[in-house]
């Protein structure tokens, strides 16, 4: 299950970066769609990549809270502890 979580996380990060680059490219009048640039405009392969990113997002959406130290409620020596602080704090 950990490997699925890691792969999903990577796919979501790549998808988010790609969307950000698409938006920046639109502002400057360029095509910064990394998936499109790497795959040389092959629509079927692009669709498969976007499908995998979407599936990775669904996996994280439904399983993230169980495995995340920040989002989940953990029991520490018989007491319930929930972390509301941002990561790194």
Protein backbone atom coordinates (compact mmCIF):
# COMPACT_ATOMS: atom_id res chain seq x y z
CA UNK A 1 0.00 0.00 0.00
CA UNK A 2 2.91 2.35 0.68
CA UNK A 3 4.17 2.05 -2.90
CA UNK A 4 0.70 2.94 -4.25
CA UNK A 5 0.67 5.98 -1.94
CA UNK A 6 4.11 7.10 -3.14
CA UNK A 7 3.22 6.65 -6.82
CA UNK A 8 -0.07 8.50 -6.31
CA UNK A 9 1.71 11.33 -4.52
CA UNK A 10 4.23 11.70 -7.35
CA UNK A 11 1.46 11.68 -9.97
CA UNK A 12 -0.50 14.35 -8.10
CA UNK A 13 2.61 16.54 -7.75
CA UNK A 14 3.43 16.16 -11.45
CA UNK A 15 -0.16 16.92 -12.40
CA UNK A 16 -0.25 20.01 -10.21
CA UNK A 17 3.04 21.30 -11.58
CA UNK A 18 1.81 20.70 -15.13
CA UNK A 19 -1.40 22.66 -14.48
CA UNK A 20 0.63 25.50 -13.00
CA UNK A 21 2.93 25.56 -16.02
CA UNK A 22 -0.05 25.50 -18.39
CA UNK A 23 -1.46 28.58 -16.62
CA UNK A 24 1.89 30.40 -16.69
CA UNK A 25 2.31 29.51 -20.35
CA UNK A 26 -1.11 30.99 -21.11
CA UNK A 27 -0.05 34.27 -19.48
CA UNK A 28 3.05 34.56 -21.68
CA UNK A 29 1.47 33.07 -24.81
CA UNK A 30 3.38 29.76 -24.86
CA UNK A 31 2.62 26.07 -24.60
CA UNK A 32 4.13 24.92 -21.32
CA UNK A 33 2.07 21.73 -21.07
CA UNK A 34 4.89 19.37 -20.08
CA UNK A 35 2.92 16.21 -20.88
CA UNK A 36 2.14 17.54 -24.35
CA UNK A 37 5.74 18.62 -24.93
CA UNK A 38 7.24 15.30 -23.80
CA UNK A 39 4.80 13.06 -25.65
CA UNK A 40 4.86 15.13 -28.85
CA UNK A 41 1.10 15.63 -29.10
CA UNK A 42 0.02 11.99 -29.14
CA UNK A 43 -3.54 12.36 -27.83
CA UNK A 44 -4.08 8.75 -26.73
CA UNK A 45 -0.87 8.64 -24.70
CA UNK A 46 -1.62 12.05 -23.19
CA UNK A 47 -5.08 10.82 -22.19
CA UNK A 48 -3.55 7.76 -20.50
CA UNK A 49 -1.12 9.98 -18.54
CA UNK A 50 -3.96 12.28 -17.44
CA UNK A 51 -6.04 9.24 -16.49
CA UNK A 52 -3.18 7.93 -14.31
CA UNK A 53 -2.85 11.34 -12.65
CA UNK A 54 -6.60 11.37 -11.99
CA UNK A 55 -6.49 7.85 -10.53
CA UNK A 56 -3.55 8.87 -8.33
CA UNK A 57 -5.58 11.81 -7.10
CA UNK A 58 -8.51 9.54 -6.21
CA UNK A 59 -6.22 7.15 -4.33
CA UNK A 60 -4.84 10.02 -2.25
CA UNK A 61 -8.28 11.52 -1.76
CA UNK A 62 -9.66 8.34 -0.24
CA UNK A 63 -6.57 6.98 1.58
CA UNK A 64 -4.47 9.97 2.61
CA UNK A 65 -5.99 10.66 6.01
CA UNK A 66 -5.30 7.11 7.25
CA UNK A 67 -1.56 7.30 6.61
CA UNK A 68 -0.79 10.97 7.17
CA UNK A 69 0.74 12.01 10.49
CA UNK A 70 -0.65 15.54 10.17
CA UNK A 71 -4.20 14.68 9.04
CA UNK A 72 -4.95 11.62 11.14
CA UNK A 73 -5.80 11.36 14.80
CA UNK A 74 -3.16 9.32 16.58
CA UNK A 75 -3.26 7.87 20.05
CA UNK A 76 -0.19 8.78 22.11
CA UNK A 77 0.09 6.90 25.43
CA UNK A 78 -3.65 6.59 25.86
CA UNK A 79 -4.48 10.19 24.94
CA UNK A 80 -5.91 11.37 21.70
CA UNK A 81 -3.74 13.87 19.88
CA UNK A 82 -4.77 15.78 16.77
CA UNK A 83 -2.32 18.04 15.02
CA UNK A 84 -3.75 21.31 13.70
CA UNK A 85 -0.38 23.00 13.15
CA UNK A 86 0.95 23.35 9.61
CA UNK A 87 3.58 20.90 8.44
CA UNK A 88 7.05 21.65 9.73
CA UNK A 89 5.84 23.25 12.93
